[in-house]
């Protein structure tokens, strides 16, 4: 997954900007995919490789900030680098508060953009790795039987085998057997590891 060539998406309605950015991106060894509008970009299926988006603020259909808001629910793991010919402070603040990786005003130095792209690609790589690990964890949890999940839920909050048996109406020996299978299927060696994995699977709600 993360060994694939990173993709740098470009959304800008100025063909000369698209062409110059495509050349720069290719020089750095990344793959460029350019679009003239936000709608054209959204029609492209989400990338499964490390990627980022260079996005012009002013576009003919959805503008850059509107596209950023739409992507928050659809392509959360793709960092956005905004570029604009006439940015202002409120616009910049709005973009950065919404999670933009960078906000560059034209004309900008190539090395500034290249540095921003590299940081964005690194961020995307880490996000994809985290998601892959979490999916593998979900798959392991899905392999547990209903009873094994019940045992796990009680064990991770500190219940002893005897207490688990009492709550579920099963013998302590049966609890031990289920607990052993839980540890095996979840691929952990200790209760502490199981507690950590459970916290990743079921994060506490934020206030």
N, C-alpha and C. Protein backbone atom coordinates (compact mmCIF):
# COMPACT_ATOMS: atom_id res chain seq x y z
N UNK A 1 0.82 -1.19 0.00
CA UNK A 1 0.00 0.00 0.00
C UNK A 1 0.86 1.25 0.00
N UNK A 2 1.67 1.47 1.02
CA UNK A 2 2.46 2.67 1.14
C UNK A 2 3.70 2.65 0.25
N UNK A 3 3.98 1.53 -0.45
CA UNK A 3 5.14 1.47 -1.33
C UNK A 3 4.82 2.02 -2.72
N UNK A 4 3.53 2.26 -3.01
CA UNK A 4 3.14 2.80 -4.31
C UNK A 4 3.59 4.25 -4.43
N UNK A 5 3.77 4.70 -5.67
CA UNK A 5 4.18 6.08 -5.91
C UNK A 5 3.10 7.02 -5.40
N UNK A 6 3.45 7.98 -4.55
CA UNK A 6 2.46 8.92 -4.04
C UNK A 6 1.83 9.73 -5.17
N UNK A 7 0.56 10.07 -5.01
CA UNK A 7 -0.16 10.87 -6.00
C UNK A 7 -0.38 12.27 -5.44
N UNK A 8 -0.04 13.27 -6.25
CA UNK A 8 -0.33 14.66 -5.89
C UNK A 8 -1.43 15.13 -6.83
N UNK A 9 -2.61 15.34 -6.28
CA UNK A 9 -3.73 15.84 -7.07
C UNK A 9 -3.66 17.35 -7.15
N UNK A 10 -4.01 17.89 -8.29
CA UNK A 10 -4.03 19.33 -8.50
C UNK A 10 -5.40 19.73 -9.02
N UNK A 11 -6.05 20.66 -8.34
CA UNK A 11 -7.32 21.20 -8.82
C UNK A 11 -7.16 22.70 -8.99
N UNK A 12 -7.11 23.13 -10.25
CA UNK A 12 -6.93 24.56 -10.58
C UNK A 12 -7.52 24.78 -11.96
N UNK A 13 -8.30 25.84 -12.14
CA UNK A 13 -8.94 26.06 -13.43
C UNK A 13 -8.02 26.74 -14.44
N UNK A 14 -6.81 27.10 -14.04
CA UNK A 14 -5.82 27.72 -14.93
C UNK A 14 -4.93 26.63 -15.51
N UNK A 15 -5.04 26.40 -16.82
CA UNK A 15 -4.30 25.32 -17.44
C UNK A 15 -2.79 25.51 -17.33
N UNK A 16 -2.31 26.75 -17.36
CA UNK A 16 -0.87 26.98 -17.25
C UNK A 16 -0.36 26.61 -15.86
N UNK A 17 -1.17 26.86 -14.83
CA UNK A 17 -0.80 26.47 -13.47
C UNK A 17 -0.77 24.95 -13.36
N UNK A 18 -1.77 24.29 -13.91
CA UNK A 18 -1.80 22.83 -13.86
C UNK A 18 -0.58 22.23 -14.54
N UNK A 19 -0.23 22.76 -15.70
CA UNK A 19 0.91 22.22 -16.45
C UNK A 19 2.23 22.43 -15.71
N UNK A 20 2.41 23.61 -15.13
CA UNK A 20 3.67 23.88 -14.41
C UNK A 20 3.78 23.03 -13.15
N UNK A 21 2.65 22.86 -12.44
CA UNK A 21 2.66 22.03 -11.23
C UNK A 21 2.88 20.56 -11.59
N UNK A 22 2.28 20.11 -12.68
CA UNK A 22 2.46 18.73 -13.11
C UNK A 22 3.93 18.44 -13.40
N UNK A 23 4.61 19.40 -14.04
CA UNK A 23 6.03 19.23 -14.35
C UNK A 23 6.86 19.19 -13.08
N UNK A 24 6.57 20.09 -12.15
CA UNK A 24 7.31 20.15 -10.89
C UNK A 24 7.11 18.86 -10.09
N UNK A 25 5.88 18.41 -10.01
CA UNK A 25 5.57 17.19 -9.25
C UNK A 25 6.30 15.99 -9.84
N UNK A 26 6.30 15.89 -11.17
CA UNK A 26 6.98 14.78 -11.83
C UNK A 26 8.47 14.80 -11.60
N UNK A 27 9.05 15.99 -11.55
CA UNK A 27 10.49 16.13 -11.30
C UNK A 27 10.88 15.56 -9.94
N UNK A 28 9.98 15.68 -8.98
CA UNK A 28 10.25 15.21 -7.62
C UNK A 28 9.98 13.71 -7.46
N UNK A 29 9.50 13.06 -8.52
CA UNK A 29 9.27 11.62 -8.45
C UNK A 29 7.89 11.20 -8.00
N UNK A 30 6.99 12.19 -7.84
CA UNK A 30 5.61 11.87 -7.51
C UNK A 30 4.78 11.78 -8.78
N UNK A 31 3.58 11.26 -8.66
CA UNK A 31 2.66 11.18 -9.80
C UNK A 31 1.62 12.28 -9.68
N UNK A 32 1.43 13.03 -10.75
CA UNK A 32 0.46 14.13 -10.73
C UNK A 32 -0.82 13.72 -11.44
N UNK A 33 -1.95 14.13 -10.87
CA UNK A 33 -3.25 14.01 -11.53
C UNK A 33 -3.93 15.37 -11.41
N UNK A 34 -4.21 15.98 -12.57
CA UNK A 34 -4.71 17.35 -12.58
C UNK A 34 -6.17 17.44 -13.02
N UNK A 35 -6.90 18.38 -12.42
CA UNK A 35 -8.32 18.57 -12.70
C UNK A 35 -8.61 20.07 -12.79
N UNK A 36 -9.54 20.41 -13.69
CA UNK A 36 -9.88 21.82 -13.89
C UNK A 36 -10.97 22.30 -12.93
N UNK A 37 -11.66 21.36 -12.28
CA UNK A 37 -12.75 21.75 -11.38
C UNK A 37 -12.85 20.77 -10.21
N UNK A 38 -13.53 21.23 -9.17
CA UNK A 38 -13.75 20.39 -8.00
C UNK A 38 -14.62 19.17 -8.36
N UNK A 39 -15.61 19.37 -9.21
CA UNK A 39 -16.49 18.28 -9.58
C UNK A 39 -15.74 17.18 -10.34
N UNK A 40 -14.83 17.59 -11.22
CA UNK A 40 -14.01 16.60 -11.93
C UNK A 40 -13.18 15.78 -10.94
N UNK A 41 -12.63 16.45 -9.95
CA UNK A 41 -11.82 15.76 -8.94
C UNK A 41 -12.68 14.79 -8.13
N UNK A 42 -13.87 15.23 -7.72
CA UNK A 42 -14.74 14.39 -6.90
C UNK A 42 -15.23 13.16 -7.65
N UNK A 43 -15.24 13.23 -8.98
CA UNK A 43 -15.67 12.09 -9.78
C UNK A 43 -14.61 10.99 -9.79
N UNK A 44 -13.40 11.33 -9.38
CA UNK A 44 -12.31 10.36 -9.34
C UNK A 44 -12.40 9.58 -8.03
N UNK A 45 -12.42 8.24 -8.07
CA UNK A 45 -12.50 7.45 -6.84
C UNK A 45 -11.35 7.81 -5.88
N UNK A 46 -11.59 7.75 -4.57
CA UNK A 46 -10.54 8.05 -3.60
C UNK A 46 -9.30 7.18 -3.81
N UNK A 47 -8.14 7.78 -3.62
CA UNK A 47 -6.88 7.05 -3.79
C UNK A 47 -6.63 6.16 -2.59
N UNK A 48 -6.04 4.99 -2.85
CA UNK A 48 -5.67 4.07 -1.78
C UNK A 48 -4.17 4.08 -1.54
N UNK A 49 -3.49 5.08 -2.07
CA UNK A 49 -2.05 5.26 -1.89
C UNK A 49 -1.81 6.61 -1.22
N UNK A 50 -0.62 6.84 -0.66
CA UNK A 50 -0.32 8.14 -0.07
C UNK A 50 -0.57 9.25 -1.09
N UNK A 51 -1.25 10.30 -0.67
CA UNK A 51 -1.61 11.35 -1.61
C UNK A 51 -1.88 12.66 -0.88
N UNK A 52 -1.93 13.75 -1.65
CA UNK A 52 -2.34 15.04 -1.12
C UNK A 52 -2.99 15.82 -2.25
N UNK A 53 -3.58 16.93 -1.91
CA UNK A 53 -4.30 17.74 -2.88
C UNK A 53 -3.78 19.17 -2.86
N UNK A 54 -3.36 19.66 -4.03
CA UNK A 54 -3.03 21.08 -4.20
C UNK A 54 -4.29 21.73 -4.76
N UNK A 55 -4.86 22.65 -4.02
CA UNK A 55 -6.20 23.14 -4.32
C UNK A 55 -6.24 24.66 -4.42
N UNK A 56 -6.70 25.15 -5.59
CA UNK A 56 -6.91 26.58 -5.76
C UNK A 56 -8.15 26.99 -4.98
N UNK A 57 -8.10 28.13 -4.32
CA UNK A 57 -9.26 28.58 -3.54
C UNK A 57 -10.41 28.96 -4.46
N UNK A 58 -10.09 29.66 -5.56
CA UNK A 58 -11.13 30.18 -6.45
C UNK A 58 -11.34 29.26 -7.64
N UNK A 59 -12.48 28.57 -7.65
CA UNK A 59 -12.81 27.62 -8.70
C UNK A 59 -14.18 27.93 -9.27
N UNK A 60 -14.46 27.48 -10.49
CA UNK A 60 -15.71 27.85 -11.16
C UNK A 60 -16.98 27.23 -10.58
N UNK A 61 -16.88 26.06 -9.96
CA UNK A 61 -18.10 25.46 -9.39
C UNK A 61 -18.04 25.54 -7.87
N UNK A 62 -17.67 24.46 -7.24
CA UNK A 62 -17.37 24.52 -5.81
C UNK A 62 -16.05 25.25 -5.63
N UNK A 63 -15.98 26.20 -4.70
CA UNK A 63 -14.66 26.81 -4.46
C UNK A 63 -13.84 25.90 -3.54
N UNK A 64 -12.58 26.27 -3.34
CA UNK A 64 -11.67 25.41 -2.59
C UNK A 64 -12.13 25.14 -1.18
N UNK A 65 -12.64 26.16 -0.50
CA UNK A 65 -13.07 25.98 0.88
C UNK A 65 -14.31 25.09 0.96
N UNK A 66 -15.19 25.20 -0.04
CA UNK A 66 -16.38 24.34 -0.07
C UNK A 66 -15.98 22.89 -0.35
N UNK A 67 -15.00 22.71 -1.24
CA UNK A 67 -14.52 21.36 -1.52
C UNK A 67 -13.86 20.76 -0.28
N UNK A 68 -13.11 21.57 0.43
CA UNK A 68 -12.48 21.10 1.67
C UNK A 68 -13.54 20.61 2.65
N UNK A 69 -14.63 21.35 2.79
CA UNK A 69 -15.70 20.95 3.71
C UNK A 69 -16.34 19.64 3.27
N UNK A 70 -16.52 19.47 1.97
CA UNK A 70 -17.12 18.23 1.46
C UNK A 70 -16.18 17.05 1.66
N UNK A 71 -14.89 17.28 1.48
CA UNK A 71 -13.91 16.20 1.64
C UNK A 71 -13.80 15.74 3.08
N UNK A 72 -14.16 16.60 4.03
CA UNK A 72 -14.04 16.25 5.45
C UNK A 72 -14.86 15.01 5.77
N UNK A 73 -15.94 14.77 5.01
CA UNK A 73 -16.75 13.60 5.27
C UNK A 73 -16.46 12.44 4.34
N UNK A 74 -15.67 12.68 3.28
CA UNK A 74 -15.47 11.66 2.27
C UNK A 74 -14.02 11.22 2.11
N UNK A 75 -13.08 12.16 2.23
CA UNK A 75 -11.67 11.85 2.00
C UNK A 75 -10.83 12.48 3.11
N UNK A 76 -11.16 12.06 4.31
CA UNK A 76 -10.57 12.68 5.50
C UNK A 76 -9.06 12.56 5.56
N UNK A 77 -8.52 11.46 5.01
CA UNK A 77 -7.08 11.23 5.13
C UNK A 77 -6.23 11.92 4.09
N UNK A 78 -6.80 12.80 3.25
CA UNK A 78 -6.01 13.46 2.22
C UNK A 78 -5.69 14.90 2.61
N UNK A 79 -4.43 15.20 2.94
CA UNK A 79 -4.05 16.57 3.30
C UNK A 79 -4.23 17.53 2.12
N UNK A 80 -4.62 18.76 2.42
CA UNK A 80 -4.86 19.77 1.39
C UNK A 80 -3.87 20.92 1.52
N UNK A 81 -3.25 21.27 0.40
CA UNK A 81 -2.38 22.45 0.31
C UNK A 81 -3.12 23.47 -0.54
N UNK A 82 -3.52 24.57 0.08
CA UNK A 82 -4.24 25.61 -0.66
C UNK A 82 -3.25 26.53 -1.37
N UNK A 83 -3.64 26.95 -2.59
CA UNK A 83 -2.89 27.99 -3.29
C UNK A 83 -3.90 29.03 -3.77
N UNK A 84 -3.50 30.29 -3.74
CA UNK A 84 -4.42 31.34 -4.16
C UNK A 84 -3.65 32.56 -4.64
N UNK A 85 -4.27 33.31 -5.54
CA UNK A 85 -3.64 34.52 -6.04
C UNK A 85 -3.88 35.71 -5.13
N UNK A 86 -4.92 35.64 -4.31
CA UNK A 86 -5.20 36.78 -3.41
C UNK A 86 -5.86 36.27 -2.13
N UNK A 87 -5.07 35.67 -1.31
CA UNK A 87 -5.59 35.18 -0.03
C UNK A 87 -5.69 36.30 0.98
N UNK A 88 -6.55 36.13 1.97
CA UNK A 88 -6.63 37.08 3.06
C UNK A 88 -6.57 36.30 4.38
N UNK A 89 -6.40 37.01 5.46
CA UNK A 89 -6.22 36.36 6.75
C UNK A 89 -7.44 35.52 7.16
N UNK A 90 -8.67 36.04 7.07
CA UNK A 90 -9.83 35.20 7.44
C UNK A 90 -9.91 33.92 6.62
N UNK A 91 -9.61 34.02 5.32
CA UNK A 91 -9.65 32.84 4.46
C UNK A 91 -8.61 31.82 4.90
N UNK A 92 -7.41 32.31 5.20
CA UNK A 92 -6.33 31.42 5.63
C UNK A 92 -6.68 30.74 6.95
N UNK A 93 -7.19 31.53 7.89
CA UNK A 93 -7.56 30.99 9.20
C UNK A 93 -8.64 29.93 9.06
N UNK A 94 -9.63 30.21 8.21
CA UNK A 94 -10.71 29.25 8.01
C UNK A 94 -10.17 27.93 7.45
N UNK A 95 -9.29 28.03 6.46
CA UNK A 95 -8.73 26.82 5.84
C UNK A 95 -7.89 26.02 6.83
N UNK A 96 -7.05 26.71 7.60
CA UNK A 96 -6.16 26.03 8.53
C UNK A 96 -6.95 25.41 9.68
N UNK A 97 -7.98 26.10 10.16
CA UNK A 97 -8.81 25.56 11.23
C UNK A 97 -9.52 24.29 10.78
N UNK A 98 -9.82 24.22 9.50
CA UNK A 98 -10.51 23.04 8.95
C UNK A 98 -9.53 21.92 8.61
N UNK A 99 -8.25 22.13 8.91
CA UNK A 99 -7.29 21.05 8.77
C UNK A 99 -6.35 21.12 7.58
N UNK A 100 -6.31 22.26 6.88
CA UNK A 100 -5.40 22.39 5.74
C UNK A 100 -3.96 22.17 6.17
N UNK A 101 -3.18 21.53 5.30
CA UNK A 101 -1.78 21.29 5.60
C UNK A 101 -0.94 22.55 5.41
N UNK A 102 -1.32 23.38 4.41
CA UNK A 102 -0.56 24.61 4.12
C UNK A 102 -1.45 25.55 3.31
N UNK A 103 -1.10 26.84 3.33
CA UNK A 103 -1.83 27.85 2.56
C UNK A 103 -0.79 28.76 1.93
N UNK A 104 -0.61 28.65 0.62
CA UNK A 104 0.42 29.40 -0.09
C UNK A 104 -0.21 30.43 -1.02
N UNK A 105 0.37 31.64 -1.03
CA UNK A 105 -0.11 32.70 -1.91
C UNK A 105 0.79 32.80 -3.13
N UNK A 106 0.20 32.83 -4.31
CA UNK A 106 0.96 32.97 -5.55
C UNK A 106 1.54 34.38 -5.64
N UNK A 107 2.74 34.54 -6.18
CA UNK A 107 3.66 33.46 -6.58
C UNK A 107 4.40 32.91 -5.37
N UNK A 108 4.61 31.61 -5.34
CA UNK A 108 5.33 30.99 -4.22
C UNK A 108 6.56 30.28 -4.77
N UNK A 109 7.55 30.09 -3.91
CA UNK A 109 8.79 29.42 -4.32
C UNK A 109 8.52 27.93 -4.48
N UNK A 110 9.12 27.34 -5.49
CA UNK A 110 8.93 25.90 -5.72
C UNK A 110 9.33 25.06 -4.53
N UNK A 111 10.43 25.47 -3.86
CA UNK A 111 10.89 24.67 -2.73
C UNK A 111 9.91 24.72 -1.56
N UNK A 112 9.17 25.83 -1.44
CA UNK A 112 8.15 25.92 -0.38
C UNK A 112 7.03 24.93 -0.66
N UNK A 113 6.63 24.84 -1.92
CA UNK A 113 5.57 23.90 -2.29
C UNK A 113 6.04 22.46 -2.16
N UNK A 114 7.26 22.20 -2.63
CA UNK A 114 7.79 20.83 -2.54
C UNK A 114 7.87 20.38 -1.09
N UNK A 115 8.32 21.27 -0.22
CA UNK A 115 8.39 20.94 1.21
C UNK A 115 7.02 20.66 1.80
N UNK A 116 6.03 21.45 1.38
CA UNK A 116 4.67 21.25 1.87
C UNK A 116 4.10 19.92 1.36
N UNK A 117 4.40 19.59 0.10
CA UNK A 117 3.92 18.32 -0.45
C UNK A 117 4.54 17.15 0.29
N UNK A 118 5.85 17.21 0.56
CA UNK A 118 6.50 16.11 1.26
C UNK A 118 5.90 15.88 2.64
N UNK A 119 5.66 16.97 3.35
CA UNK A 119 5.04 16.84 4.67
C UNK A 119 3.63 16.25 4.58
N UNK A 120 2.89 16.68 3.55
CA UNK A 120 1.53 16.18 3.36
C UNK A 120 1.54 14.69 3.00
N UNK A 121 2.49 14.28 2.15
CA UNK A 121 2.60 12.87 1.77
C UNK A 121 2.96 12.02 2.99
N UNK A 122 3.88 12.53 3.81
CA UNK A 122 4.24 11.81 5.04
C UNK A 122 3.03 11.64 5.95
N UNK A 123 2.24 12.69 6.04
CA UNK A 123 1.03 12.65 6.87
C UNK A 123 0.02 11.65 6.32
N UNK A 124 -0.14 11.64 5.00
CA UNK A 124 -1.05 10.70 4.36
C UNK A 124 -0.59 9.26 4.56
N UNK A 125 0.72 9.03 4.43
CA UNK A 125 1.28 7.69 4.62
C UNK A 125 0.99 7.17 6.03
N UNK A 126 1.19 8.04 7.02
CA UNK A 126 0.93 7.65 8.40
C UNK A 126 -0.55 7.37 8.62
N UNK A 127 -1.41 8.17 8.00
CA UNK A 127 -2.85 7.98 8.15
C UNK A 127 -3.31 6.66 7.53
N UNK A 128 -2.77 6.33 6.35
CA UNK A 128 -3.14 5.07 5.70
C UNK A 128 -2.64 3.87 6.50
N UNK A 129 -1.44 3.99 7.06
CA UNK A 129 -0.89 2.90 7.86
C UNK A 129 -1.76 2.68 9.11
N UNK A 130 -2.16 3.77 9.73
CA UNK A 130 -3.00 3.69 10.93
C UNK A 130 -4.34 3.04 10.59
N UNK A 131 -4.92 3.42 9.45
CA UNK A 131 -6.21 2.86 9.05
C UNK A 131 -6.09 1.37 8.75
N UNK A 132 -4.99 0.98 8.10
CA UNK A 132 -4.78 -0.44 7.78
C UNK A 132 -4.64 -1.26 9.06
N UNK A 133 -3.91 -0.72 10.04
CA UNK A 133 -3.74 -1.41 11.31
C UNK A 133 -5.08 -1.54 12.04
N UNK A 134 -5.87 -0.47 11.98
CA UNK A 134 -7.16 -0.48 12.66
C UNK A 134 -8.12 -1.46 11.99
N UNK A 135 -8.07 -1.54 10.65
CA UNK A 135 -8.93 -2.48 9.95
C UNK A 135 -8.55 -3.92 10.29
N UNK A 136 -7.25 -4.20 10.38
CA UNK A 136 -6.79 -5.54 10.76
C UNK A 136 -7.28 -5.88 12.16
N UNK A 137 -7.27 -4.88 13.04
CA UNK A 137 -7.75 -5.08 14.40
C UNK A 137 -9.25 -5.35 14.41
N UNK A 138 -10.00 -4.61 13.59
CA UNK A 138 -11.44 -4.86 13.49
C UNK A 138 -11.73 -6.26 12.97
N UNK A 139 -10.92 -6.70 12.01
CA UNK A 139 -11.11 -8.05 11.45
C UNK A 139 -10.88 -9.12 12.52
N UNK A 140 -9.86 -8.90 13.36
CA UNK A 140 -9.59 -9.87 14.43
C UNK A 140 -10.76 -9.90 15.43
N UNK A 141 -11.26 -8.72 15.75
CA UNK A 141 -12.37 -8.64 16.69
C UNK A 141 -13.62 -9.30 16.10
N UNK A 142 -13.82 -9.14 14.78
CA UNK A 142 -14.98 -9.73 14.12
C UNK A 142 -14.92 -11.25 14.15
N UNK A 143 -13.72 -11.82 14.32
CA UNK A 143 -13.58 -13.27 14.35
C UNK A 143 -13.99 -13.86 15.70
N UNK A 144 -14.19 -13.03 16.71
CA UNK A 144 -14.61 -13.51 18.02
C UNK A 144 -16.08 -13.93 18.00
N UNK A 145 -16.38 -14.96 18.75
CA UNK A 145 -17.79 -15.34 18.90
C UNK A 145 -18.48 -14.35 19.83
N UNK A 146 -19.81 -14.42 19.88
CA UNK A 146 -20.56 -13.50 20.76
C UNK A 146 -20.13 -13.68 22.21
N UNK A 147 -19.96 -14.92 22.64
CA UNK A 147 -19.56 -15.18 24.02
C UNK A 147 -18.15 -14.66 24.29
N UNK A 148 -17.27 -14.84 23.33
CA UNK A 148 -15.89 -14.35 23.49
C UNK A 148 -15.87 -12.84 23.62
N UNK A 149 -16.72 -12.16 22.89
CA UNK A 149 -16.80 -10.70 23.01
C UNK A 149 -17.32 -10.29 24.39
N UNK A 150 -18.29 -11.05 24.89
CA UNK A 150 -18.83 -10.76 26.22
C UNK A 150 -17.75 -10.93 27.28
N UNK A 151 -16.96 -12.00 27.17
CA UNK A 151 -15.87 -12.23 28.11
C UNK A 151 -14.83 -11.12 28.00
N UNK A 152 -14.48 -10.77 26.78
CA UNK A 152 -13.48 -9.72 26.58
C UNK A 152 -13.94 -8.40 27.19
N UNK A 153 -15.21 -8.05 26.98
CA UNK A 153 -15.74 -6.78 27.50
C UNK A 153 -15.61 -6.69 29.01
N UNK A 154 -15.79 -7.82 29.69
CA UNK A 154 -15.69 -7.82 31.15
C UNK A 154 -14.25 -7.88 31.63
N UNK A 155 -13.43 -8.63 30.91
CA UNK A 155 -12.02 -8.77 31.30
C UNK A 155 -11.28 -7.44 31.20
N UNK A 156 -11.54 -6.67 30.13
CA UNK A 156 -10.78 -5.43 29.92
C UNK A 156 -11.14 -4.33 30.92
N UNK A 157 -12.26 -4.50 31.65
CA UNK A 157 -12.59 -3.51 32.67
C UNK A 157 -12.20 -4.01 34.06
N UNK A 158 -11.44 -5.10 34.09
CA UNK A 158 -10.86 -5.54 35.35
C UNK A 158 -11.58 -6.65 36.09
N UNK A 159 -12.58 -7.26 35.48
CA UNK A 159 -13.27 -8.35 36.16
C UNK A 159 -12.36 -9.59 36.22
N UNK A 160 -12.38 -10.27 37.36
CA UNK A 160 -11.66 -11.53 37.50
C UNK A 160 -12.47 -12.64 36.84
N UNK A 161 -11.80 -13.76 36.55
CA UNK A 161 -12.48 -14.87 35.89
C UNK A 161 -13.74 -15.32 36.64
N UNK A 162 -13.62 -15.37 37.96
CA UNK A 162 -14.75 -15.80 38.78
C UNK A 162 -15.92 -14.82 38.64
N UNK A 163 -15.59 -13.51 38.61
CA UNK A 163 -16.62 -12.48 38.48
C UNK A 163 -17.28 -12.54 37.09
N UNK A 164 -16.44 -12.76 36.07
CA UNK A 164 -16.96 -12.88 34.71
C UNK A 164 -17.93 -14.06 34.63
N UNK A 165 -17.53 -15.20 35.22
CA UNK A 165 -18.39 -16.37 35.22
C UNK A 165 -19.71 -16.09 35.89
N UNK A 166 -19.66 -15.38 37.03
CA UNK A 166 -20.87 -15.05 37.76
C UNK A 166 -21.81 -14.18 36.95
N UNK A 167 -21.25 -13.20 36.25
CA UNK A 167 -22.09 -12.28 35.47
C UNK A 167 -22.69 -12.94 34.24
N UNK A 168 -21.94 -13.88 33.65
CA UNK A 168 -22.41 -14.51 32.42
C UNK A 168 -23.11 -15.85 32.65
N UNK A 169 -23.03 -16.32 33.91
CA UNK A 169 -23.69 -17.58 34.23
C UNK A 169 -22.98 -18.79 33.66
N UNK A 170 -21.62 -18.73 33.63
CA UNK A 170 -20.83 -19.85 33.13
C UNK A 170 -19.74 -20.15 34.15
N UNK A 171 -19.12 -21.32 34.03
CA UNK A 171 -18.10 -21.71 35.02
C UNK A 171 -16.80 -20.95 34.80
N UNK A 172 -16.00 -20.92 35.85
CA UNK A 172 -14.71 -20.25 35.77
C UNK A 172 -13.81 -20.92 34.73
N UNK A 173 -13.90 -22.24 34.65
CA UNK A 173 -13.09 -22.98 33.66
C UNK A 173 -13.48 -22.57 32.24
N UNK A 174 -14.78 -22.40 32.02
CA UNK A 174 -15.26 -21.98 30.69
C UNK A 174 -14.78 -20.56 30.39
N UNK A 175 -14.79 -19.71 31.40
CA UNK A 175 -14.29 -18.34 31.22
C UNK A 175 -12.82 -18.37 30.79
N UNK A 176 -12.03 -19.21 31.48
CA UNK A 176 -10.61 -19.31 31.14
C UNK A 176 -10.42 -19.76 29.69
N UNK A 177 -11.24 -20.71 29.25
CA UNK A 177 -11.15 -21.20 27.88
C UNK A 177 -11.49 -20.09 26.88
N UNK A 178 -12.56 -19.36 27.16
CA UNK A 178 -12.94 -18.25 26.27
C UNK A 178 -11.87 -17.16 26.27
N UNK A 179 -11.36 -16.89 27.45
CA UNK A 179 -10.34 -15.84 27.57
C UNK A 179 -9.10 -16.22 26.78
N UNK A 180 -8.73 -17.49 26.83
CA UNK A 180 -7.57 -17.95 26.07
C UNK A 180 -7.77 -17.78 24.57
N UNK A 181 -8.99 -18.08 24.11
CA UNK A 181 -9.27 -17.93 22.68
C UNK A 181 -9.29 -16.45 22.27
N UNK A 182 -9.78 -15.62 23.17
CA UNK A 182 -9.76 -14.17 22.90
C UNK A 182 -8.33 -13.68 22.72
N UNK A 183 -7.46 -14.09 23.63
CA UNK A 183 -6.06 -13.67 23.56
C UNK A 183 -5.42 -14.16 22.27
N UNK A 184 -5.75 -15.38 21.89
CA UNK A 184 -5.18 -15.97 20.68
C UNK A 184 -5.69 -15.25 19.42
N UNK A 185 -6.98 -15.06 19.33
CA UNK A 185 -7.56 -14.43 18.14
C UNK A 185 -7.18 -12.96 18.03
N UNK A 186 -7.06 -12.28 19.16
CA UNK A 186 -6.68 -10.87 19.13
C UNK A 186 -5.16 -10.68 19.04
N UNK A 187 -4.44 -11.81 19.11
CA UNK A 187 -2.98 -11.82 18.93
C UNK A 187 -2.26 -10.95 19.97
N UNK A 188 -2.63 -11.18 21.24
CA UNK A 188 -1.98 -10.48 22.34
C UNK A 188 -1.46 -11.49 23.35
N UNK A 189 -0.48 -11.08 24.12
CA UNK A 189 0.13 -11.96 25.11
C UNK A 189 -0.22 -11.59 26.55
N UNK A 190 -0.76 -10.40 26.73
CA UNK A 190 -1.04 -9.97 28.10
C UNK A 190 -2.36 -9.21 28.15
N UNK A 191 -2.89 -9.11 29.36
CA UNK A 191 -4.12 -8.35 29.57
C UNK A 191 -3.91 -6.88 29.21
N UNK A 192 -2.73 -6.35 29.54
CA UNK A 192 -2.44 -4.94 29.24
C UNK A 192 -2.55 -4.67 27.74
N UNK A 193 -2.04 -5.59 26.92
CA UNK A 193 -2.13 -5.44 25.47
C UNK A 193 -3.59 -5.47 25.02
N UNK A 194 -4.36 -6.39 25.63
CA UNK A 194 -5.76 -6.51 25.26
C UNK A 194 -6.53 -5.23 25.60
N UNK A 195 -6.21 -4.65 26.74
CA UNK A 195 -6.87 -3.40 27.15
C UNK A 195 -6.55 -2.28 26.15
N UNK A 196 -5.29 -2.22 25.71
CA UNK A 196 -4.90 -1.19 24.74
C UNK A 196 -5.63 -1.37 23.41
N UNK A 197 -5.72 -2.62 22.95
CA UNK A 197 -6.41 -2.88 21.69
C UNK A 197 -7.90 -2.53 21.81
N UNK A 198 -8.48 -2.85 22.95
CA UNK A 198 -9.89 -2.55 23.16
C UNK A 198 -10.13 -1.04 23.12
N UNK A 199 -9.18 -0.29 23.66
CA UNK A 199 -9.31 1.18 23.65
C UNK A 199 -9.26 1.73 22.23
N UNK A 200 -8.47 1.08 21.37
CA UNK A 200 -8.42 1.50 19.96
C UNK A 200 -9.70 1.14 19.24
N UNK A 201 -10.24 -0.04 19.56
CA UNK A 201 -11.49 -0.47 18.92
C UNK A 201 -12.69 0.34 19.40
N UNK A 202 -12.70 0.68 20.68
CA UNK A 202 -13.84 1.38 21.27
C UNK A 202 -13.34 2.63 22.02
N UNK A 203 -12.89 3.64 21.27
CA UNK A 203 -12.36 4.85 21.93
C UNK A 203 -13.43 5.53 22.78
N UNK A 204 -12.99 6.10 23.87
CA UNK A 204 -13.92 6.80 24.75
C UNK A 204 -14.46 8.03 24.03
N UNK A 205 -15.75 8.33 24.17
CA UNK A 205 -16.32 9.50 23.50
C UNK A 205 -15.68 10.78 24.01
N UNK A 206 -15.45 11.72 23.08
CA UNK A 206 -14.87 13.00 23.48
C UNK A 206 -15.96 13.92 23.98
N UNK A 207 -15.57 14.79 24.90
CA UNK A 207 -16.55 15.70 25.48
C UNK A 207 -17.02 16.73 24.47
